[in-house]
Amino acid sequence: MRDCRLFRKHQAYSLNLRRNVWVITLLWLLCLAPLTSCAQNAAEREHEEIVNSIKSYDTDRALELLNRQIRQHPKDSLFKDERADVYLMLGKLPEAINDLTEVINEVPVTTGVAYDYDKRGNAYLRQKDYAKAVSDFTKAVEINPEAFSEGGKLDRAKAFMGLSKYDSAIEDLTSVIKVAPPGVPGSADEAYRLRSQAYAKIGRMNDSRNDALIFGERSRQK
């Protein structure tokens, strides 16, 4: 009988202990929830400040906040992506290329990463590294043709012209003219201007003059 009482007492003690552990765990989670919510709210406020700093061209403040976030969250590619935007604004092309390269290497290949290829391509274009620019613009068009069939090919044509590949440039520029909305100022105007130059480079002077006339007429209509 004594052993039975001890066994039941032990069972009751174990049950109470398990209940206490669950209660303590629940209380800990309830206490932790407001802290987590506060941390999330603080992070959202800081990211909003980053976005507003970029929009207002307060690059010093934007870089200060972004550098801090990258130190705290080195695996979060969003902050590197946004820091690259600031570097591009400042003309710090090697720094922008480094950040964009890390983002491209870290994130899965989705339609979104096409924008990073496009941005890096433009950085290479500004550096006159035309071969790398062509490669990145091509990736952007391949990954997200809906977004880059116009602007991406226009930029790639500029890189082709830098490489003296005028036939390839003409092909891209002709494609841009076909997909651009008719009568709407924009990329088609630039495409006519550049294609006129490309035609002249390969001796197609009549085509060059025709495009120059179209470009002039469209410019007067603006």
C-alpha atoms as a PDB file:
ATOM      1  CA  MET A   1       0.000   0.000   0.000  1.00  0.00           C
ATOM      2  CA  ARG A   2       2.802   2.395   0.869  1.00  0.00           C
ATOM      3  CA  ASP A   3       4.410   1.747  -2.533  1.00  0.00           C
ATOM      4  CA  CYS A   4       1.101   2.440  -4.288  1.00  0.00           C
ATOM      5  CA  ARG A   5       0.704   5.745  -2.441  1.00  0.00           C
ATOM      6  CA  LEU A   6       4.264   6.739  -3.352  1.00  0.00           C
ATOM      7  CA  PHE A   7       3.612   5.813  -6.997  1.00  0.00           C
ATOM      8  CA  ARG A   8       0.407   7.880  -7.104  1.00  0.00           C
ATOM      9  CA  LYS A   9       2.181  10.765  -5.398  1.00  0.00           C
ATOM     10  CA  HIS A  10       4.959  10.560  -7.964  1.00  0.00           C
ATOM     11  CA  GLN A  11       2.412  10.515 -10.809  1.00  0.00           C
ATOM     12  CA  ALA A  12       0.680  13.609  -9.404  1.00  0.00           C
ATOM     13  CA  TYR A  13       4.026  15.384  -9.022  1.00  0.00           C
ATOM     14  CA  SER A  14       5.002  14.565 -12.609  1.00  0.00           C
ATOM     15  CA  LEU A  15       1.629  15.742 -13.907  1.00  0.00           C
ATOM     16  CA  ASN A  16       1.912  19.024 -11.992  1.00  0.00           C
ATOM     17  CA  LEU A  17       5.459  19.477 -13.249  1.00  0.00           C
ATOM     18  CA  ARG A  18       4.368  19.015 -16.858  1.00  0.00           C
ATOM     19  CA  ARG A  19       1.509  21.452 -16.325  1.00  0.00           C
ATOM     20  CA  ASN A  20       3.885  23.998 -14.813  1.00  0.00           C
ATOM     21  CA  VAL A  21       6.262  23.657 -17.764  1.00  0.00           C
ATOM     22  CA  TRP A  22       3.408  24.306 -20.194  1.00  0.00           C
ATOM     23  CA  VAL A  23       2.220  27.291 -18.157  1.00  0.00           C
ATOM     24  CA  ILE A  24       5.723  28.769 -18.002  1.00  0.00           C
ATOM     25  CA  THR A  25       6.184  28.210 -21.745  1.00  0.00           C
ATOM     26  CA  LEU A  26       2.840  29.846 -22.517  1.00  0.00           C
ATOM     27  CA  LEU A  27       3.631  32.823 -20.288  1.00  0.00           C
ATOM     28  CA  TRP A  28       7.050  33.177 -21.927  1.00  0.00           C
ATOM     29  CA  LEU A  29       5.488  33.181 -25.399  1.00  0.00           C
ATOM     30  CA  LEU A  30       2.888  35.736 -24.325  1.00  0.00           C
ATOM     31  CA  CYS A  31       5.650  37.969 -22.986  1.00  0.00           C
ATOM     32  CA  LEU A  32       7.749  37.482 -26.087  1.00  0.00           C
ATOM     33  CA  ALA A  33       4.955  38.322 -28.545  1.00  0.00           C
ATOM     34  CA  PRO A  34       4.879  42.080 -27.796  1.00  0.00           C
ATOM     35  CA  LEU A  35       8.682  42.234 -28.037  1.00  0.00           C
ATOM     36  CA  THR A  36       8.584  40.495 -31.426  1.00  0.00           C
ATOM     37  CA  SER A  37       5.834  42.828 -32.598  1.00  0.00           C
ATOM     38  CA  CYS A  38       7.806  45.860 -31.418  1.00  0.00           C
ATOM     39  CA  ALA A  39      10.919  44.629 -33.224  1.00  0.00           C
ATOM     40  CA  GLN A  40       8.931  44.083 -36.418  1.00  0.00           C
ATOM     41  CA  ASN A  41       7.383  47.542 -36.171  1.00  0.00           C
ATOM     42  CA  ALA A  42      10.793  49.112 -35.620  1.00  0.00           C
ATOM     43  CA  ALA A  43      12.207  47.273 -38.650  1.00  0.00           C
ATOM     44  CA  GLU A  44       9.259  48.391 -40.797  1.00  0.00           C
ATOM     45  CA  ARG A  45       9.700  52.001 -39.675  1.00  0.00           C
ATOM     46  CA  GLU A  46      13.421  51.893 -40.450  1.00  0.00           C
ATOM     47  CA  HIS A  47      12.808  50.401 -43.894  1.00  0.00           C
ATOM     48  CA  GLU A  48      10.230  53.103 -44.582  1.00  0.00           C
ATOM     49  CA  GLU A  49      12.846  55.696 -43.608  1.00  0.00           C
ATOM     50  CA  ILE A  50      15.316  54.048 -46.013  1.00  0.00           C
ATOM     51  CA  VAL A  51      12.819  54.250 -48.878  1.00  0.00           C
ATOM     52  CA  ASN A  52      11.979  57.879 -48.086  1.00  0.00           C
ATOM     53  CA  SER A  53      15.670  58.779 -47.860  1.00  0.00           C
ATOM     54  CA  ILE A  54      16.291  57.284 -51.307  1.00  0.00           C
ATOM     55  CA  LYS A  55      13.266  59.093 -52.771  1.00  0.00           C
ATOM     56  CA  SER A  56      14.437  62.419 -51.324  1.00  0.00           C
ATOM     57  CA  TYR A  57      18.046  61.815 -52.469  1.00  0.00           C
ATOM     58  CA  ASP A  58      19.317  61.892 -48.876  1.00  0.00           C
ATOM     59  CA  THR A  59      21.985  59.378 -49.829  1.00  0.00           C
ATOM     60  CA  ASP A  60      24.097  59.801 -46.693  1.00  0.00           C
ATOM     61  CA  ARG A  61      21.196  58.855 -44.417  1.00  0.00           C
ATOM     62  CA  ALA A  62      20.103  56.043 -46.733  1.00  0.00           C
ATOM     63  CA  LEU A  63      23.603  54.518 -46.735  1.00  0.00           C
ATOM     64  CA  GLU A  64      23.862  54.864 -42.948  1.00  0.00           C
ATOM     65  CA  LEU A  65      20.617  52.943 -42.442  1.00  0.00           C
ATOM     66  CA  LEU A  66      21.357  50.364 -45.138  1.00  0.00           C
ATOM     67  CA  ASN A  67      24.859  49.638 -43.873  1.00  0.00           C
ATOM     68  CA  ARG A  68      23.424  49.054 -40.391  1.00  0.00           C
ATOM     69  CA  GLN A  69      20.726  46.730 -41.711  1.00  0.00           C
ATOM     70  CA  ILE A  70      23.244  44.757 -43.766  1.00  0.00           C
ATOM     71  CA  ARG A  71      25.464  44.300 -40.700  1.00  0.00           C
ATOM     72  CA  GLN A  72      22.462  43.069 -38.712  1.00  0.00           C
ATOM     73  CA  HIS A  73      20.945  40.983 -41.532  1.00  0.00           C
ATOM     74  CA  PRO A  74      23.783  39.915 -43.850  1.00  0.00           C
ATOM     75  CA  LYS A  75      21.607  37.255 -45.519  1.00  0.00           C
ATOM     76  CA  ASP A  76      18.813  39.676 -46.485  1.00  0.00           C
ATOM     77  CA  SER A  77      19.395  40.595 -50.130  1.00  0.00           C
ATOM     78  CA  LEU A  78      16.785  43.391 -50.079  1.00  0.00           C
ATOM     79  CA  PHE A  79      19.103  45.810 -48.299  1.00  0.00           C
ATOM     80  CA  LYS A  80      22.004  45.079 -50.677  1.00  0.00           C
ATOM     81  CA  ASP A  81      19.666  45.640 -53.606  1.00  0.00           C
ATOM     82  CA  GLU A  82      18.586  49.002 -52.218  1.00  0.00           C
ATOM     83  CA  ARG A  83      22.163  49.984 -51.363  1.00  0.00           C
ATOM     84  CA  ALA A  84      23.088  49.262 -54.994  1.00  0.00           C
ATOM     85  CA  ASP A  85      20.393  51.761 -56.041  1.00  0.00           C
ATOM     86  CA  VAL A  86      22.021  54.402 -53.848  1.00  0.00           C
ATOM     87  CA  TYR A  87      25.478  53.605 -55.228  1.00  0.00           C
ATOM     88  CA  LEU A  88      24.095  53.963 -58.772  1.00  0.00           C
ATOM     89  CA  MET A  89      22.649  57.350 -57.841  1.00  0.00           C
ATOM     90  CA  LEU A  90      26.075  58.425 -56.564  1.00  0.00           C
ATOM     91  CA  GLY A  91      27.905  57.022 -59.587  1.00  0.00           C
ATOM     92  CA  LYS A  92      29.748  54.506 -57.421  1.00  0.00           C
ATOM     93  CA  LEU A  93      29.587  51.842 -60.091  1.00  0.00           C
ATOM     94  CA  PRO A  94      32.047  49.223 -58.714  1.00  0.00           C
ATOM     95  CA  GLU A  95      30.241  49.258 -55.354  1.00  0.00           C
ATOM     96  CA  ALA A  96      26.852  48.925 -57.064  1.00  0.00           C
ATOM     97  CA  ILE A  97      28.116  46.047 -59.211  1.00  0.00           C
ATOM     98  CA  ASN A  98      29.481  44.242 -56.137  1.00  0.00           C
ATOM     99  CA  ASP A  99      26.137  44.482 -54.307  1.00  0.00           C
ATOM    100  CA  LEU A 100      24.116  43.442 -57.357  1.00  0.00           C
ATOM    101  CA  THR A 101      26.438  40.499 -58.008  1.00  0.00           C
ATOM    102  CA  GLU A 102      25.891  39.270 -54.447  1.00  0.00           C
ATOM    103  CA  VAL A 103      22.123  39.629 -54.824  1.00  0.00           C
ATOM    104  CA  ILE A 104      22.116  37.750 -58.149  1.00  0.00           C
ATOM    105  CA  ASN A 105      24.193  34.950 -56.630  1.00  0.00           C
ATOM    106  CA  GLU A 106      22.058  34.703 -53.483  1.00  0.00           C
ATOM    107  CA  VAL A 107      18.468  34.815 -54.730  1.00  0.00           C
ATOM    108  CA  PRO A 108      16.600  32.266 -56.874  1.00  0.00           C
ATOM    109  CA  VAL A 109      16.184  32.983 -60.576  1.00  0.00           C
ATOM    110  CA  THR A 110      12.748  34.626 -60.772  1.00  0.00           C
ATOM    111  CA  THR A 111      11.280  37.430 -62.856  1.00  0.00           C
ATOM    112  CA  GLY A 112      12.308  39.787 -60.052  1.00  0.00           C
ATOM    113  CA  VAL A 113      16.034  39.096 -60.395  1.00  0.00           C
ATOM    114  CA  ALA A 114      15.824  40.310 -63.998  1.00  0.00           C
ATOM    115  CA  TYR A 115      15.744  43.846 -62.587  1.00  0.00           C
ATOM    116  CA  ASP A 116      19.075  43.210 -60.855  1.00  0.00           C
ATOM    117  CA  TYR A 117      20.615  41.997 -64.106  1.00  0.00           C
ATOM    118  CA  ASP A 118      19.240  45.108 -65.820  1.00  0.00           C
ATOM    119  CA  LYS A 119      20.656  47.430 -63.164  1.00  0.00           C
ATOM    120  CA  ARG A 120      24.041  45.732 -63.254  1.00  0.00           C
ATOM    121  CA  GLY A 121      23.955  45.882 -67.062  1.00  0.00           C
ATOM    122  CA  ASN A 122      23.416  49.634 -66.902  1.00  0.00           C
ATOM    123  CA  ALA A 123      26.333  49.957 -64.482  1.00  0.00           C
ATOM    124  CA  TYR A 124      28.555  48.040 -66.916  1.00  0.00           C
ATOM    125  CA  LEU A 125      27.247  50.208 -69.759  1.00  0.00           C
ATOM    126  CA  ARG A 126      28.245  53.349 -67.863  1.00  0.00           C
ATOM    127  CA  GLN A 127      31.681  51.802 -67.312  1.00  0.00           C
ATOM    128  CA  LYS A 128      31.864  51.081 -71.067  1.00  0.00           C
ATOM    129  CA  ASP A 129      32.270  47.396 -70.294  1.00  0.00           C
ATOM    130  CA  TYR A 130      30.012  46.620 -73.225  1.00  0.00           C
ATOM    131  CA  ALA A 131      30.452  42.836 -73.381  1.00  0.00           C
ATOM    132  CA  LYS A 132      29.325  42.381 -69.774  1.00  0.00           C
ATOM    133  CA  ALA A 133      26.492  44.843 -70.342  1.00  0.00           C
ATOM    134  CA  VAL A 134      25.238  42.802 -73.321  1.00  0.00           C
ATOM    135  CA  SER A 135      25.375  39.628 -71.219  1.00  0.00           C
ATOM    136  CA  ASP A 136      23.350  41.149 -68.368  1.00  0.00           C
ATOM    137  CA  PHE A 137      20.744  42.767 -70.616  1.00  0.00           C
ATOM    138  CA  THR A 138      20.345  39.442 -72.412  1.00  0.00           C
ATOM    139  CA  LYS A 139      19.701  37.687 -69.074  1.00  0.00           C
ATOM    140  CA  ALA A 140      17.121  40.316 -68.126  1.00  0.00           C
ATOM    141  CA  VAL A 141      15.283  39.849 -71.448  1.00  0.00           C
ATOM    142  CA  GLU A 142      15.417  36.048 -71.161  1.00  0.00           C
ATOM    143  CA  ILE A 143      14.181  35.924 -67.563  1.00  0.00           C
ATOM    144  CA  ASN A 144      11.470  38.563 -67.863  1.00  0.00           C
ATOM    145  CA  PRO A 145      10.695  39.300 -71.538  1.00  0.00           C
ATOM    146  CA  GLU A 146       7.428  41.023 -70.679  1.00  0.00           C
ATOM    147  CA  ALA A 147       9.241  43.708 -68.678  1.00  0.00           C
ATOM    148  CA  PHE A 148      12.392  44.055 -70.773  1.00  0.00           C
ATOM    149  CA  SER A 149      11.384  43.449 -74.399  1.00  0.00           C
ATOM    150  CA  GLU A 150      11.466  47.226 -74.837  1.00  0.00           C
ATOM    151  CA  GLY A 151      13.830  48.912 -72.367  1.00  0.00           C
ATOM    152  CA  GLY A 152      16.163  45.946 -72.032  1.00  0.00           C
ATOM    153  CA  LYS A 153      16.668  45.629 -75.766  1.00  0.00           C
ATOM    154  CA  LEU A 154      17.146  49.382 -76.131  1.00  0.00           C
ATOM    155  CA  ASP A 155      19.939  49.281 -73.559  1.00  0.00           C
ATOM    156  CA  ARG A 156      21.426  46.168 -75.151  1.00  0.00           C
ATOM    157  CA  ALA A 157      21.465  47.953 -78.516  1.00  0.00           C
ATOM    158  CA  LYS A 158      23.560  50.727 -76.947  1.00  0.00           C
ATOM    159  CA  ALA A 159      26.014  48.119 -75.715  1.00  0.00           C
ATOM    160  CA  PHE A 160      26.105  46.460 -79.149  1.00  0.00           C
ATOM    161  CA  MET A 161      26.931  49.826 -80.683  1.00  0.00           C
ATOM    162  CA  GLY A 162      29.745  50.218 -78.180  1.00  0.00           C
ATOM    163  CA  LEU A 163      31.086  46.906 -79.480  1.00  0.00           C
ATOM    164  CA  SER A 164      30.599  48.083 -83.110  1.00  0.00           C
ATOM    165  CA  LYS A 165      28.081  45.263 -83.616  1.00  0.00           C
ATOM    166  CA  TYR A 166      25.748  47.454 -85.612  1.00  0.00           C
ATOM    167  CA  ASP A 167      23.676  44.682 -87.197  1.00  0.00           C
ATOM    168  CA  SER A 168      22.827  43.314 -83.746  1.00  0.00           C
ATOM    169  CA  ALA A 169      22.015  46.828 -82.550  1.00  0.00           C
ATOM    170  CA  ILE A 170      19.713  47.404 -85.545  1.00  0.00           C
ATOM    171  CA  GLU A 171      17.907  44.125 -84.823  1.00  0.00           C
ATOM    172  CA  ASP A 172      17.242  45.133 -81.211  1.00  0.00           C
ATOM    173  CA  LEU A 173      16.230  48.679 -82.138  1.00  0.00           C
ATOM    174  CA  THR A 174      13.811  47.436 -84.795  1.00  0.00           C
ATOM    175  CA  SER A 175      12.253  45.156 -82.174  1.00  0.00           C
ATOM    176  CA  VAL A 176      11.875  48.106 -79.773  1.00  0.00           C
ATOM    177  CA  ILE A 177      10.153  50.195 -82.450  1.00  0.00           C
ATOM    178  CA  LYS A 178       7.703  47.340 -83.149  1.00  0.00           C
ATOM    179  CA  VAL A 179       6.681  46.786 -79.510  1.00  0.00           C
ATOM    180  CA  ALA A 180       6.653  50.439 -78.400  1.00  0.00           C
ATOM    181  CA  PRO A 181       3.167  51.997 -78.212  1.00  0.00           C
ATOM    182  CA  PRO A 182       2.539  53.948 -81.438  1.00  0.00           C
ATOM    183  CA  GLY A 183       2.483  57.729 -81.109  1.00  0.00           C
ATOM    184  CA  VAL A 184       3.684  57.645 -77.496  1.00  0.00           C
ATOM    185  CA  PRO A 185       6.949  59.487 -76.783  1.00  0.00           C
ATOM    186  CA  GLY A 186       9.550  57.252 -75.201  1.00  0.00           C
ATOM    187  CA  SER A 187      11.871  54.436 -76.129  1.00  0.00           C
ATOM    188  CA  ALA A 188      10.808  54.379 -79.813  1.00  0.00           C
ATOM    189  CA  ASP A 189      12.152  57.925 -80.261  1.00  0.00           C
ATOM    190  CA  GLU A 190      15.530  56.896 -78.919  1.00  0.00           C
ATOM    191  CA  ALA A 191      15.397  53.724 -81.021  1.00  0.00           C
ATOM    192  CA  TYR A 192      14.911  55.710 -84.243  1.00  0.00           C
ATOM    193  CA  ARG A 193      17.772  58.030 -83.314  1.00  0.00           C
ATOM    194  CA  LEU A 194      20.174  55.191 -82.523  1.00  0.00           C
ATOM    195  CA  ARG A 195      19.120  53.100 -85.508  1.00  0.00           C
ATOM    196  CA  SER A 196      19.811  56.079 -87.776  1.00  0.00           C
ATOM    197  CA  GLN A 197      23.360  56.156 -86.386  1.00  0.00           C
ATOM    198  CA  ALA A 198      23.770  52.380 -86.739  1.00  0.00           C
ATOM    199  CA  TYR A 199      22.566  52.457 -90.377  1.00  0.00           C
ATOM    200  CA  ALA A 200      25.091  55.206 -91.131  1.00  0.00           C
ATOM    201  CA  LYS A 201      27.899  53.139 -89.622  1.00  0.00           C
ATOM    202  CA  ILE A 202      27.257  50.289 -92.074  1.00  0.00           C
ATOM    203  CA  GLY A 203      26.709  52.558 -95.077  1.00  0.00           C
ATOM    204  CA  ARG A 204      22.904  52.337 -95.335  1.00  0.00           C
ATOM    205  CA  MET A 205      22.555  56.098 -95.766  1.00  0.00           C
ATOM    206  CA  ASN A 206      18.990  56.146 -97.129  1.00  0.00           C
ATOM    207  CA  ASP A 207      17.754  54.129 -94.137  1.00  0.00           C
ATOM    208  CA  SER A 208      19.766  56.392 -91.858  1.00  0.00           C
ATOM    209  CA  ARG A 209      18.162  59.537 -93.319  1.00  0.00           C
ATOM    210  CA  ASN A 210      14.677  58.022 -93.102  1.00  0.00           C
ATOM    211  CA  ASP A 211      15.103  57.239 -89.408  1.00  0.00           C
ATOM    212  CA  ALA A 212      16.577  60.681 -88.783  1.00  0.00           C
ATOM    213  CA  LEU A 213      13.521  62.283 -90.408  1.00  0.00           C
ATOM    214  CA  ILE A 214      11.131  60.141 -88.327  1.00  0.00           C
ATOM    215  CA  PHE A 215      13.022  61.000 -85.174  1.00  0.00           C
ATOM    216  CA  GLY A 216      12.901  64.708 -86.025  1.00  0.00           C
ATOM    217  CA  GLU A 217       9.174  64.579 -86.722  1.00  0.00           C
ATOM    218  CA  ARG A 218       8.457  62.735 -83.470  1.00  0.00           C
ATOM    219  CA  SER A 219      10.587  65.215 -81.536  1.00  0.00           C
ATOM    220  CA  ARG A 220       8.602  68.163 -82.932  1.00  0.00           C
ATOM    221  CA  GLN A 221       5.341  66.506 -81.880  1.00  0.00           C
ATOM    222  CA  LYS A 222       6.336  66.360 -78.216  1.00  0.00           C
END
